[in-house]
Amino acid sequence: MGTPLYAMQVMWNLGTNGRDSKTTFEELREYLHDRSIPKFEGMAGMRQKAWISNPETGRWGALYLFDSPEARQAARDGIRQSPVVQLSGMLPAVEEFDVEAVAEGVHAGTDLNAAGLAR
């Protein structure tokens, strides 16, 4: 058996092109770049956080991997205080998962810490 990992998906439905939200995808990217990425880099108990978006469907959120259920719960407990809640005026849908397996591919791409539209 491998080392257990715990996942969480947090998703906002902002409406097509963010029309149901008090904020835009561009403003959320600025928030990521300026405040959220630095906050989560080096966060104890969190292995990885990937922010995801689809402006065509109005979806914005994140996928997390944690070392323990306690670390996942601590992150979940902070969601109501998330600046994205204040920026959008909405609460996200949250779902927790057990990780069955992880595969890392061979690639010549950019380091994941430098990838993404908000970088």
PDB file of N, CA and C in Angstrom:
ATOM      1  N   MET A   1       0.838  -1.186   0.000  1.00  0.00           N
ATOM      2  CA  MET A   1       0.000   0.000   0.000  1.00  0.00           C
ATOM      3  C   MET A   1       0.881   1.247   0.000  1.00  0.00           C
ATOM      4  N   GLY A   2       0.408   2.240  -0.721  1.00  0.00           N
ATOM      5  CA  GLY A   2       1.134   3.500  -0.801  1.00  0.00           C
ATOM      6  C   GLY A   2       0.768   4.444   0.330  1.00  0.00           C
ATOM      7  N   THR A   3       1.352   5.609   0.287  1.00  0.00           N
ATOM      8  CA  THR A   3       1.077   6.662   1.260  1.00  0.00           C
ATOM      9  C   THR A   3      -0.288   7.277   0.962  1.00  0.00           C
ATOM     10  N   PRO A   4      -1.169   7.377   1.937  1.00  0.00           N
ATOM     11  CA  PRO A   4      -2.484   7.973   1.657  1.00  0.00           C
ATOM     12  C   PRO A   4      -2.368   9.472   1.364  1.00  0.00           C
ATOM     13  N   LEU A   5      -3.199   9.919   0.446  1.00  0.00           N
ATOM     14  CA  LEU A   5      -3.363  11.334   0.147  1.00  0.00           C
ATOM     15  C   LEU A   5      -4.849  11.642   0.155  1.00  0.00           C
ATOM     16  N   TYR A   6      -5.159  12.887   0.406  1.00  0.00           N
ATOM     17  CA  TYR A   6      -6.550  13.318   0.530  1.00  0.00           C
ATOM     18  C   TYR A   6      -6.757  14.519  -0.378  1.00  0.00           C
ATOM     19  N   ALA A   7      -7.840  14.508  -1.135  1.00  0.00           N
ATOM     20  CA  ALA A   7      -8.096  15.556  -2.114  1.00  0.00           C
ATOM     21  C   ALA A   7      -9.343  16.339  -1.756  1.00  0.00           C
ATOM     22  N   MET A   8      -9.409  17.557  -2.295  1.00  0.00           N
ATOM     23  CA  MET A   8     -10.597  18.394  -2.148  1.00  0.00           C
ATOM     24  C   MET A   8     -10.750  19.211  -3.430  1.00  0.00           C
ATOM     25  N   GLN A   9     -11.990  19.301  -3.867  1.00  0.00           N
ATOM     26  CA  GLN A   9     -12.333  20.144  -5.015  1.00  0.00           C
ATOM     27  C   GLN A   9     -13.240  21.257  -4.506  1.00  0.00           C
ATOM     28  N   VAL A  10     -12.888  22.490  -4.830  1.00  0.00           N
ATOM     29  CA  VAL A  10     -13.669  23.665  -4.431  1.00  0.00           C
ATOM     30  C   VAL A  10     -14.027  24.404  -5.713  1.00  0.00           C
ATOM     31  N   MET A  11     -15.331  24.534  -6.008  1.00  0.00           N
ATOM     32  CA  MET A  11     -15.746  25.129  -7.287  1.00  0.00           C
ATOM     33  C   MET A  11     -16.837  26.175  -7.094  1.00  0.00           C
ATOM     34  N   TRP A  12     -16.615  27.321  -7.719  1.00  0.00           N
ATOM     35  CA  TRP A  12     -17.625  28.371  -7.792  1.00  0.00           C
ATOM     36  C   TRP A  12     -18.277  28.317  -9.161  1.00  0.00           C
ATOM     37  N   ASN A  13     -19.576  28.556  -9.218  1.00  0.00           N
ATOM     38  CA  ASN A  13     -20.278  28.700 -10.486  1.00  0.00           C
ATOM     39  C   ASN A  13     -20.600  30.186 -10.619  1.00  0.00           C
ATOM     40  N   LEU A  14     -19.746  30.918 -11.316  1.00  0.00           N
ATOM     41  CA  LEU A  14     -19.837  32.369 -11.408  1.00  0.00           C
ATOM     42  C   LEU A  14     -20.768  32.845 -12.520  1.00  0.00           C
ATOM     43  N   GLY A  15     -21.298  31.932 -13.292  1.00  0.00           N
ATOM     44  CA  GLY A  15     -22.117  32.315 -14.446  1.00  0.00           C
ATOM     45  C   GLY A  15     -21.227  32.538 -15.655  1.00  0.00           C
ATOM     46  N   THR A  16     -21.788  32.416 -16.841  1.00  0.00           N
ATOM     47  CA  THR A  16     -21.019  32.573 -18.066  1.00  0.00           C
ATOM     48  C   THR A  16     -20.303  33.918 -18.078  1.00  0.00           C
ATOM     49  N   ASN A  17     -18.983  33.851 -18.279  1.00  0.00           N
ATOM     50  CA  ASN A  17     -18.111  35.030 -18.253  1.00  0.00           C
ATOM     51  C   ASN A  17     -18.220  35.793 -16.938  1.00  0.00           C
ATOM     52  N   GLY A  18     -18.592  35.111 -15.859  1.00  0.00           N
ATOM     53  CA  GLY A  18     -18.656  35.724 -14.538  1.00  0.00           C
ATOM     54  C   GLY A  18     -19.843  36.652 -14.339  1.00  0.00           C
ATOM     55  N   ARG A  19     -20.859  36.567 -15.165  1.00  0.00           N
ATOM     56  CA  ARG A  19     -21.953  37.550 -15.100  1.00  0.00           C
ATOM     57  C   ARG A  19     -22.795  37.465 -13.833  1.00  0.00           C
ATOM     58  N   ASP A  20     -22.804  36.319 -13.140  1.00  0.00           N
ATOM     59  CA  ASP A  20     -23.564  36.201 -11.895  1.00  0.00           C
ATOM     60  C   ASP A  20     -22.727  36.580 -10.672  1.00  0.00           C
ATOM     61  N   SER A  21     -21.484  36.880 -10.889  1.00  0.00           N
ATOM     62  CA  SER A  21     -20.538  37.177  -9.824  1.00  0.00           C
ATOM     63  C   SER A  21     -20.306  38.684  -9.721  1.00  0.00           C
ATOM     64  N   LYS A  22     -19.810  39.106  -8.553  1.00  0.00           N
ATOM     65  CA  LYS A  22     -19.432  40.508  -8.364  1.00  0.00           C
ATOM     66  C   LYS A  22     -18.039  40.791  -8.913  1.00  0.00           C
ATOM     67  N   THR A  23     -17.355  39.776  -9.427  1.00  0.00           N
ATOM     68  CA  THR A  23     -15.982  39.938  -9.914  1.00  0.00           C
ATOM     69  C   THR A  23     -15.837  39.285 -11.282  1.00  0.00           C
ATOM     70  N   THR A  24     -14.697  39.483 -11.906  1.00  0.00           N
ATOM     71  CA  THR A  24     -14.418  38.900 -13.216  1.00  0.00           C
ATOM     72  C   THR A  24     -13.291  37.876 -13.092  1.00  0.00           C
ATOM     73  N   PHE A  25     -13.129  37.073 -14.122  1.00  0.00           N
ATOM     74  CA  PHE A  25     -12.035  36.106 -14.142  1.00  0.00           C
ATOM     75  C   PHE A  25     -10.689  36.830 -14.118  1.00  0.00           C
ATOM     76  N   GLU A  26     -10.586  37.955 -14.789  1.00  0.00           N
ATOM     77  CA  GLU A  26      -9.341  38.722 -14.792  1.00  0.00           C
ATOM     78  C   GLU A  26      -9.001  39.219 -13.384  1.00  0.00           C
ATOM     79  N   GLU A  27     -10.004  39.721 -12.660  1.00  0.00           N
ATOM     80  CA  GLU A  27      -9.773  40.176 -11.285  1.00  0.00           C
ATOM     81  C   GLU A  27      -9.371  39.009 -10.384  1.00  0.00           C
ATOM     82  N   LEU A  28      -9.967  37.856 -10.599  1.00  0.00           N
ATOM     83  CA  LEU A  28      -9.602  36.680  -9.806  1.00  0.00           C
ATOM     84  C   LEU A  28      -8.168  36.257 -10.108  1.00  0.00           C
ATOM     85  N   ARG A  29      -7.742  36.356 -11.367  1.00  0.00           N
ATOM     86  CA  ARG A  29      -6.354  36.027 -11.703  1.00  0.00           C
ATOM     87  C   ARG A  29      -5.387  36.992 -11.021  1.00  0.00           C
ATOM     88  N   GLU A  30      -5.746  38.266 -10.959  1.00  0.00           N
ATOM     89  CA  GLU A  30      -4.903  39.238 -10.255  1.00  0.00           C
ATOM     90  C   GLU A  30      -4.805  38.884  -8.774  1.00  0.00           C
ATOM     91  N   TYR A  31      -5.948  38.514  -8.185  1.00  0.00           N
ATOM     92  CA  TYR A  31      -5.945  38.095  -6.784  1.00  0.00           C
ATOM     93  C   TYR A  31      -5.036  36.878  -6.594  1.00  0.00           C
ATOM     94  N   LEU A  32      -5.123  35.903  -7.507  1.00  0.00           N
ATOM     95  CA  LEU A  32      -4.249  34.726  -7.415  1.00  0.00           C
ATOM     96  C   LEU A  32      -2.788  35.140  -7.422  1.00  0.00           C
ATOM     97  N   HIS A  33      -2.429  35.906  -8.403  1.00  0.00           N
ATOM     98  CA  HIS A  33      -1.034  36.311  -8.571  1.00  0.00           C
ATOM     99  C   HIS A  33      -0.518  37.086  -7.364  1.00  0.00           C
ATOM    100  N   ASP A  34      -1.307  38.038  -6.905  1.00  0.00           N
ATOM    101  CA  ASP A  34      -0.844  38.945  -5.848  1.00  0.00           C
ATOM    102  C   ASP A  34      -0.956  38.383  -4.441  1.00  0.00           C
ATOM    103  N   ARG A  35      -2.003  37.593  -4.175  1.00  0.00           N
ATOM    104  CA  ARG A  35      -2.272  37.205  -2.786  1.00  0.00           C
ATOM    105  C   ARG A  35      -2.396  35.709  -2.547  1.00  0.00           C
ATOM    106  N   SER A  36      -3.101  34.989  -3.411  1.00  0.00           N
ATOM    107  CA  SER A  36      -3.413  33.598  -3.104  1.00  0.00           C
ATOM    108  C   SER A  36      -2.235  32.660  -3.320  1.00  0.00           C
ATOM    109  N   ILE A  37      -1.552  32.782  -4.444  1.00  0.00           N
ATOM    110  CA  ILE A  37      -0.411  31.897  -4.695  1.00  0.00           C
ATOM    111  C   ILE A  37       0.629  32.041  -3.581  1.00  0.00           C
ATOM    112  N   PRO A  38       1.044  33.271  -3.235  1.00  0.00           N
ATOM    113  CA  PRO A  38       2.019  33.388  -2.130  1.00  0.00           C
ATOM    114  C   PRO A  38       1.514  32.793  -0.811  1.00  0.00           C
ATOM    115  N   LYS A  39       0.213  32.903  -0.552  1.00  0.00           N
ATOM    116  CA  LYS A  39      -0.355  32.366   0.693  1.00  0.00           C
ATOM    117  C   LYS A  39      -0.219  30.844   0.753  1.00  0.00           C
ATOM    118  N   PHE A  40      -0.457  30.164  -0.372  1.00  0.00           N
ATOM    119  CA  PHE A  40      -0.482  28.708  -0.358  1.00  0.00           C
ATOM    120  C   PHE A  40       0.876  28.064  -0.613  1.00  0.00           C
ATOM    121  N   GLU A  41       1.835  28.797  -1.174  1.00  0.00           N
ATOM    122  CA  GLU A  41       3.162  28.223  -1.368  1.00  0.00           C
ATOM    123  C   GLU A  41       3.771  27.927  -0.003  1.00  0.00           C
ATOM    124  N   GLY A  42       4.164  26.722   0.189  1.00  0.00           N
ATOM    125  CA  GLY A  42       4.765  26.332   1.455  1.00  0.00           C
ATOM    126  C   GLY A  42       3.783  26.037   2.567  1.00  0.00           C
ATOM    127  N   MET A  43       2.489  25.935   2.263  1.00  0.00           N
ATOM    128  CA  MET A  43       1.482  25.656   3.282  1.00  0.00           C
ATOM    129  C   MET A  43       1.689  24.253   3.856  1.00  0.00           C
ATOM    130  N   ALA A  44       1.815  24.156   5.156  1.00  0.00           N
ATOM    131  CA  ALA A  44       2.037  22.867   5.821  1.00  0.00           C
ATOM    132  C   ALA A  44       0.851  21.935   5.593  1.00  0.00           C
ATOM    133  N   GLY A  45       1.156  20.692   5.250  1.00  0.00           N
ATOM    134  CA  GLY A  45       0.120  19.677   5.086  1.00  0.00           C
ATOM    135  C   GLY A  45      -0.523  19.635   3.712  1.00  0.00           C
ATOM    136  N   MET A  46      -0.277  20.639   2.881  1.00  0.00           N
ATOM    137  CA  MET A  46      -0.828  20.651   1.529  1.00  0.00           C
ATOM    138  C   MET A  46       0.275  20.282   0.552  1.00  0.00           C
ATOM    139  N   ARG A  47       0.032  19.281  -0.261  1.00  0.00           N
ATOM    140  CA  ARG A  47       1.004  18.858  -1.263  1.00  0.00           C
ATOM    141  C   ARG A  47       0.959  19.729  -2.499  1.00  0.00           C
ATOM    142  N   GLN A  48      -0.260  20.023  -2.947  1.00  0.00           N
ATOM    143  CA  GLN A  48      -0.408  20.772  -4.189  1.00  0.00           C
ATOM    144  C   GLN A  48      -1.779  21.413  -4.251  1.00  0.00           C
ATOM    145  N   LYS A  49      -1.822  22.579  -4.870  1.00  0.00           N
ATOM    146  CA  LYS A  49      -3.090  23.232  -5.169  1.00  0.00           C
ATOM    147  C   LYS A  49      -3.018  23.693  -6.615  1.00  0.00           C
ATOM    148  N   ALA A  50      -4.003  23.311  -7.392  1.00  0.00           N
ATOM    149  CA  ALA A  50      -4.100  23.757  -8.787  1.00  0.00           C
ATOM    150  C   ALA A  50      -5.392  24.547  -8.925  1.00  0.00           C
ATOM    151  N   TRP A  51      -5.271  25.809  -9.287  1.00  0.00           N
ATOM    152  CA  TRP A  51      -6.445  26.642  -9.534  1.00  0.00           C
ATOM    153  C   TRP A  51      -6.899  26.380 -10.957  1.00  0.00           C
ATOM    154  N   ILE A  52      -8.207  26.259 -11.148  1.00  0.00           N
ATOM    155  CA  ILE A  52      -8.737  25.952 -12.471  1.00  0.00           C
ATOM    156  C   ILE A  52      -9.887  26.895 -12.809  1.00  0.00           C
ATOM    157  N   SER A  53     -10.103  27.109 -14.117  1.00  0.00           N
ATOM    158  CA  SER A  53     -11.198  27.982 -14.533  1.00  0.00           C
ATOM    159  C   SER A  53     -11.685  27.590 -15.915  1.00  0.00           C
ATOM    160  N   ASN A  54     -12.933  27.948 -16.190  1.00  0.00           N
ATOM    161  CA  ASN A  54     -13.522  27.802 -17.509  1.00  0.00           C
ATOM    162  C   ASN A  54     -14.505  28.955 -17.689  1.00  0.00           C
ATOM    163  N   PRO A  55     -14.045  30.079 -18.258  1.00  0.00           N
ATOM    164  CA  PRO A  55     -14.929  31.232 -18.433  1.00  0.00           C
ATOM    165  C   PRO A  55     -16.169  30.925 -19.275  1.00  0.00           C
ATOM    166  N   GLU A  56     -16.067  29.970 -20.189  1.00  0.00           N
ATOM    167  CA  GLU A  56     -17.222  29.627 -21.030  1.00  0.00           C
ATOM    168  C   GLU A  56     -18.367  29.041 -20.218  1.00  0.00           C
ATOM    169  N   THR A  57     -18.038  28.296 -19.164  1.00  0.00           N
ATOM    170  CA  THR A  57     -19.083  27.699 -18.327  1.00  0.00           C
ATOM    171  C   THR A  57     -19.265  28.449 -17.007  1.00  0.00           C
ATOM    172  N   GLY A  58     -18.381  29.428 -16.756  1.00  0.00           N
ATOM    173  CA  GLY A  58     -18.477  30.206 -15.525  1.00  0.00           C
ATOM    174  C   GLY A  58     -17.931  29.509 -14.302  1.00  0.00           C
ATOM    175  N   ARG A  59     -17.107  28.493 -14.498  1.00  0.00           N
ATOM    176  CA  ARG A  59     -16.578  27.728 -13.365  1.00  0.00           C
ATOM    177  C   ARG A  59     -15.183  28.223 -12.984  1.00  0.00           C
ATOM    178  N   TRP A  60     -14.966  28.347 -11.678  1.00  0.00           N
ATOM    179  CA  TRP A  60     -13.692  28.787 -11.108  1.00  0.00           C
ATOM    180  C   TRP A  60     -13.470  27.989  -9.845  1.00  0.00           C
ATOM    181  N   GLY A  61     -12.265  27.501  -9.636  1.00  0.00           N
ATOM    182  CA  GLY A  61     -12.045  26.764  -8.405  1.00  0.00           C
ATOM    183  C   GLY A  61     -10.637  26.245  -8.259  1.00  0.00           C
ATOM    184  N   ALA A  62     -10.512  25.204  -7.452  1.00  0.00           N
ATOM    185  CA  ALA A  62      -9.197  24.641  -7.169  1.00  0.00           C
ATOM    186  C   ALA A  62      -9.308  23.159  -6.832  1.00  0.00           C
ATOM    187  N   LEU A  63      -8.231  22.468  -7.113  1.00  0.00           N
ATOM    188  CA  LEU A  63      -8.053  21.077  -6.727  1.00  0.00           C
ATOM    189  C   LEU A  63      -6.874  21.019  -5.773  1.00  0.00           C
ATOM    190  N   TYR A  64      -7.056  20.373  -4.651  1.00  0.00           N
ATOM    191  CA  TYR A  64      -6.020  20.298  -3.619  1.00  0.00           C
ATOM    192  C   TYR A  64      -5.628  18.845  -3.368  1.00  0.00           C
ATOM    193  N   LEU A  65      -4.371  18.639  -2.966  1.00  0.00           N
ATOM    194  CA  LEU A  65      -3.901  17.360  -2.433  1.00  0.00           C
ATOM    195  C   LEU A  65      -3.288  17.627  -1.063  1.00  0.00           C
ATOM    196  N   PHE A  66      -3.693  16.821  -0.076  1.00  0.00           N
ATOM    197  CA  PHE A  66      -3.235  16.994   1.307  1.00  0.00           C
ATOM    198  C   PHE A  66      -2.607  15.711   1.842  1.00  0.00           C
ATOM    199  N   ASP A  67      -1.737  15.884   2.831  1.00  0.00           N
ATOM    200  CA  ASP A  67      -1.098  14.754   3.506  1.00  0.00           C
ATOM    201  C   ASP A  67      -2.020  14.059   4.503  1.00  0.00           C
ATOM    202  N   SER A  68      -3.006  14.779   5.021  1.00  0.00           N
ATOM    203  CA  SER A  68      -3.845  14.195   6.072  1.00  0.00           C
ATOM    204  C   SER A  68      -5.266  14.742   5.990  1.00  0.00           C
ATOM    205  N   PRO A  69      -6.219  14.008   6.556  1.00  0.00           N
ATOM    206  CA  PRO A  69      -7.585  14.530   6.616  1.00  0.00           C
ATOM    207  C   PRO A  69      -7.666  15.812   7.457  1.00  0.00           C
ATOM    208  N   GLU A  70      -6.789  15.922   8.454  1.00  0.00           N
ATOM    209  CA  GLU A  70      -6.790  17.114   9.302  1.00  0.00           C
ATOM    210  C   GLU A  70      -6.358  18.363   8.525  1.00  0.00           C
ATOM    211  N   ALA A  71      -5.348  18.218   7.669  1.00  0.00           N
ATOM    212  CA  ALA A  71      -4.909  19.351   6.847  1.00  0.00           C
ATOM    213  C   ALA A  71      -6.013  19.746   5.872  1.00  0.00           C
ATOM    214  N   ARG A  72      -6.690  18.750   5.305  1.00  0.00           N
ATOM    215  CA  ARG A  72      -7.808  19.028   4.397  1.00  0.00           C
ATOM    216  C   ARG A  72      -8.919  19.750   5.145  1.00  0.00           C
ATOM    217  N   GLN A  73      -9.242  19.307   6.334  1.00  0.00           N
ATOM    218  CA  GLN A  73     -10.315  19.937   7.116  1.00  0.00           C
ATOM    219  C   GLN A  73      -9.957  21.374   7.491  1.00  0.00           C
ATOM    220  N   ALA A  74      -8.697  21.600   7.820  1.00  0.00           N
ATOM    221  CA  ALA A  74      -8.275  22.961   8.153  1.00  0.00           C
ATOM    222  C   ALA A  74      -8.470  23.893   6.956  1.00  0.00           C
ATOM    223  N   ALA A  75      -8.133  23.413   5.759  1.00  0.00           N
ATOM    224  CA  ALA A  75      -8.344  24.227   4.556  1.00  0.00           C
ATOM    225  C   ALA A  75      -9.834  24.431   4.309  1.00  0.00           C
ATOM    226  N   ARG A  76     -10.615  23.385   4.507  1.00  0.00           N
ATOM    227  CA  ARG A  76     -12.063  23.503   4.305  1.00  0.00           C
ATOM    228  C   ARG A  76     -12.670  24.507   5.289  1.00  0.00           C
ATOM    229  N   ASP A  77     -12.198  24.481   6.521  1.00  0.00           N
ATOM    230  CA  ASP A  77     -12.716  25.399   7.537  1.00  0.00           C
ATOM    231  C   ASP A  77     -12.480  26.865   7.167  1.00  0.00           C
ATOM    232  N   GLY A  78     -11.453  27.136   6.359  1.00  0.00           N
ATOM    233  CA  GLY A  78     -11.141  28.505   5.983  1.00  0.00           C
ATOM    234  C   GLY A  78     -11.858  29.007   4.740  1.00  0.00           C
ATOM    235  N   ILE A  79     -12.636  28.169   4.088  1.00  0.00           N
ATOM    236  CA  ILE A  79     -13.249  28.558   2.811  1.00  0.00           C
ATOM    237  C   ILE A  79     -14.211  29.727   2.966  1.00  0.00           C
ATOM    238  N   ARG A  80     -15.003  29.759   4.011  1.00  0.00           N
ATOM    239  CA  ARG A  80     -15.960  30.865   4.189  1.00  0.00           C
ATOM    240  C   ARG A  80     -15.261  32.218   4.314  1.00  0.00           C
ATOM    241  N   GLN A  81     -13.998  32.208   4.764  1.00  0.00           N
ATOM    242  CA  GLN A  81     -13.236  33.446   4.883  1.00  0.00           C
ATOM    243  C   GLN A  81     -12.399  33.724   3.635  1.00  0.00           C
ATOM    244  N   SER A  82     -12.526  32.886   2.633  1.00  0.00           N
ATOM    245  CA  SER A  82     -11.746  33.063   1.405  1.00  0.00           C
ATOM    246  C   SER A  82     -12.065  34.402   0.756  1.00  0.00           C
ATOM    247  N   PRO A  83     -11.051  35.138   0.329  1.00  0.00           N
ATOM    248  CA  PRO A  83     -11.315  36.370  -0.404  1.00  0.00           C
ATOM    249  C   PRO A  83     -12.156  36.150  -1.660  1.00  0.00           C
ATOM    250  N   VAL A  84     -12.111  34.941  -2.238  1.00  0.00           N
ATOM    251  CA  VAL A  84     -12.940  34.684  -3.428  1.00  0.00           C
ATOM    252  C   VAL A  84     -14.424  34.745  -3.058  1.00  0.00           C
ATOM    253  N   VAL A  85     -14.775  34.343  -1.842  1.00  0.00           N
ATOM    254  CA  VAL A  85     -16.164  34.469  -1.388  1.00  0.00           C
ATOM    255  C   VAL A  85     -16.550  35.946  -1.355  1.00  0.00           C
ATOM    256  N   GLN A  86     -15.670  36.775  -0.811  1.00  0.00           N
ATOM    257  CA  GLN A  86     -15.957  38.206  -0.758  1.00  0.00           C
ATOM    258  C   GLN A  86     -15.963  38.828  -2.157  1.00  0.00           C
ATOM    259  N   LEU A  87     -14.996  38.453  -2.991  1.00  0.00           N
ATOM    260  CA  LEU A  87     -14.916  39.022  -4.338  1.00  0.00           C
ATOM    261  C   LEU A  87     -16.114  38.641  -5.205  1.00  0.00           C
ATOM    262  N   SER A  88     -16.537  37.387  -5.098  1.00  0.00           N
ATOM    263  CA  SER A  88     -17.619  36.892  -5.963  1.00  0.00           C
ATOM    264  C   SER A  88     -19.002  37.071  -5.357  1.00  0.00           C
ATOM    265  N   GLY A  89     -19.073  37.145  -4.017  1.00  0.00           N
ATOM    266  CA  GLY A  89     -20.370  37.188  -3.347  1.00  0.00           C
ATOM    267  C   GLY A  89     -21.054  35.834  -3.310  1.00  0.00           C
ATOM    268  N   MET A  90     -20.275  34.757  -3.497  1.00  0.00           N
ATOM    269  CA  MET A  90     -20.840  33.399  -3.572  1.00  0.00           C
ATOM    270  C   MET A  90     -20.018  32.412  -2.755  1.00  0.00           C
ATOM    271  N   LEU A  91     -20.701  31.372  -2.277  1.00  0.00           N
ATOM    272  CA  LEU A  91     -20.017  30.248  -1.645  1.00  0.00           C
ATOM    273  C   LEU A  91     -19.786  29.162  -2.694  1.00  0.00           C
ATOM    274  N   PRO A  92     -18.685  28.429  -2.580  1.00  0.00           N
ATOM    275  CA  PRO A  92     -18.407  27.371  -3.544  1.00  0.00           C
ATOM    276  C   PRO A  92     -19.037  26.044  -3.134  1.00  0.00           C
ATOM    277  N   ALA A  93     -19.092  25.133  -4.100  1.00  0.00           N
ATOM    278  CA  ALA A  93     -19.400  23.734  -3.809  1.00  0.00           C
ATOM    279  C   ALA A  93     -18.077  23.062  -3.429  1.00  0.00           C
ATOM    280  N   VAL A  94     -18.090  22.265  -2.381  1.00  0.00           N
ATOM    281  CA  VAL A  94     -16.872  21.614  -1.899  1.00  0.00           C
ATOM    282  C   VAL A  94     -17.122  20.113  -1.848  1.00  0.00           C
ATOM    283  N   GLU A  95     -16.161  19.356  -2.363  1.00  0.00           N
ATOM    284  CA  GLU A  95     -16.262  17.903  -2.317  1.00  0.00           C
ATOM    285  C   GLU A  95     -14.906  17.333  -1.920  1.00  0.00           C
ATOM    286  N   GLU A  96     -14.930  16.346  -1.037  1.00  0.00           N
ATOM    287  CA  GLU A  96     -13.703  15.698  -0.567  1.00  0.00           C
ATOM    288  C   GLU A  96     -13.576  14.312  -1.177  1.00  0.00           C
ATOM    289  N   PHE A  97     -12.318  13.890  -1.392  1.00  0.00           N
ATOM    290  CA  PHE A  97     -12.034  12.601  -2.015  1.00  0.00           C
ATOM    291  C   PHE A  97     -10.855  11.939  -1.329  1.00  0.00           C
ATOM    292  N   ASP A  98     -10.800  10.621  -1.403  1.00  0.00           N
ATOM    293  CA  ASP A  98      -9.588   9.871  -1.106  1.00  0.00           C
ATOM    294  C   ASP A  98      -8.860   9.709  -2.434  1.00  0.00           C
ATOM    295  N   VAL A  99      -7.545   9.835  -2.432  1.00  0.00           N
ATOM    296  CA  VAL A  99      -6.770   9.693  -3.661  1.00  0.00           C
ATOM    297  C   VAL A  99      -6.428   8.223  -3.843  1.00  0.00           C
ATOM    298  N   GLU A 100      -6.821   7.675  -4.969  1.00  0.00           N
ATOM    299  CA  GLU A 100      -6.557   6.272  -5.276  1.00  0.00           C
ATOM    300  C   GLU A 100      -5.146   6.066  -5.826  1.00  0.00           C
ATOM    301  N   ALA A 101      -4.690   6.991  -6.657  1.00  0.00           N
ATOM    302  CA  ALA A 101      -3.344   6.896  -7.238  1.00  0.00           C
ATOM    303  C   ALA A 101      -2.985   8.234  -7.860  1.00  0.00           C
ATOM    304  N   VAL A 102      -1.695   8.460  -8.007  1.00  0.00           N
ATOM    305  CA  VAL A 102      -1.178   9.647  -8.680  1.00  0.00           C
ATOM    306  C   VAL A 102      -0.111   9.182  -9.657  1.00  0.00           C
ATOM    307  N   ALA A 103      -0.115   9.735 -10.854  1.00  0.00           N
ATOM    308  CA  ALA A 103       0.925   9.443 -11.841  1.00  0.00           C
ATOM    309  C   ALA A 103       1.537  10.761 -12.286  1.00  0.00           C
ATOM    310  N   GLU A 104       2.849  10.792 -12.316  1.00  0.00           N
ATOM    311  CA  GLU A 104       3.556  11.955 -12.836  1.00  0.00           C
ATOM    312  C   GLU A 104       4.155  11.566 -14.174  1.00  0.00           C
ATOM    313  N   GLY A 105       3.848  12.339 -15.197  1.00  0.00           N
ATOM    314  CA  GLY A 105       4.359  12.050 -16.534  1.00  0.00           C
ATOM    315  C   GLY A 105       5.743  12.636 -16.762  1.00  0.00           C
ATOM    316  N   VAL A 106       6.390  12.149 -17.809  1.00  0.00           N
ATOM    317  CA  VAL A 106       7.676  12.683 -18.233  1.00  0.00           C
ATOM    318  C   VAL A 106       7.377  13.818 -19.198  1.00  0.00           C
ATOM    319  N   HIS A 107       7.974  14.993 -18.944  1.00  0.00           N
ATOM    320  CA  HIS A 107       7.682  16.137 -19.803  1.00  0.00           C
ATOM    321  C   HIS A 107       8.888  17.059 -19.858  1.00  0.00           C
ATOM    322  N   ALA A 108       8.879  17.904 -20.836  1.00  0.00           N
ATOM    323  CA  ALA A 108       9.933  18.902 -20.975  1.00  0.00           C
ATOM    324  C   ALA A 108       9.353  20.293 -20.774  1.00  0.00           C
ATOM    325  N   GLY A 109       8.192  20.344 -20.140  1.00  0.00           N
ATOM    326  CA  GLY A 109       7.488  21.605 -19.958  1.00  0.00           C
ATOM    327  C   GLY A 109       8.027  22.434 -18.810  1.00  0.00           C
ATOM    328  N   THR A 110       7.338  23.519 -18.562  1.00  0.00           N
ATOM    329  CA  THR A 110       7.683  24.450 -17.492  1.00  0.00           C
ATOM    330  C   THR A 110       7.462  23.790 -16.135  1.00  0.00           C
ATOM    331  N   ASP A 111       8.278  24.156 -15.172  1.00  0.00           N
ATOM    332  CA  ASP A 111       8.077  23.727 -13.791  1.00  0.00           C
ATOM    333  C   ASP A 111       6.650  24.111 -13.393  1.00  0.00           C
ATOM    334  N   LEU A 112       5.933  23.234 -12.733  1.00  0.00           N
ATOM    335  CA  LEU A 112       4.550  23.511 -12.354  1.00  0.00           C
ATOM    336  C   LEU A 112       4.403  24.775 -11.532  1.00  0.00           C
ATOM    337  N   ASN A 113       5.410  25.141 -10.759  1.00  0.00           N
ATOM    338  CA  ASN A 113       5.325  26.360  -9.953  1.00  0.00           C
ATOM    339  C   ASN A 113       5.355  27.632 -10.797  1.00  0.00           C
ATOM    340  N   ALA A 114       5.654  27.507 -12.085  1.00  0.00           N
ATOM    341  CA  ALA A 114       5.674  28.679 -12.969  1.00  0.00           C
ATOM    342  C   ALA A 114       4.571  28.609 -14.019  1.00  0.00           C
ATOM    343  N   ALA A 115       3.692  27.634 -13.931  1.00  0.00           N
ATOM    344  CA  ALA A 115       2.666  27.430 -14.949  1.00  0.00           C
ATOM    345  C   ALA A 115       1.372  28.155 -14.579  1.00  0.00           C
ATOM    346  N   GLY A 116       0.573  28.468 -15.565  1.00  0.00           N
ATOM    347  CA  GLY A 116      -0.757  29.011 -15.340  1.00  0.00           C
ATOM    348  C   GLY A 116      -0.944  30.433 -15.829  1.00  0.00           C
ATOM    349  N   LEU A 117      -2.191  30.812 -16.055  1.00  0.00           N
ATOM    350  CA  LEU A 117      -2.549  32.117 -16.585  1.00  0.00           C
ATOM    351  C   LEU A 117      -2.286  33.251 -15.590  1.00  0.00           C
ATOM    352  N   ALA A 118      -2.321  32.947 -14.288  1.00  0.00           N
ATOM    353  CA  ALA A 118      -2.135  33.986 -13.270  1.00  0.00           C
ATOM    354  C   ALA A 118      -0.658  34.228 -12.953  1.00  0.00           C
ATOM    355  N   ARG A 119       0.231  33.434 -13.500  1.00  0.00           N
ATOM    356  CA  ARG A 119       1.672  33.602 -13.232  1.00  0.00           C
ATOM    357  C   ARG A 119       2.192  34.633 -14.154  1.00  0.00           C
TER     358      ARG A 119
END
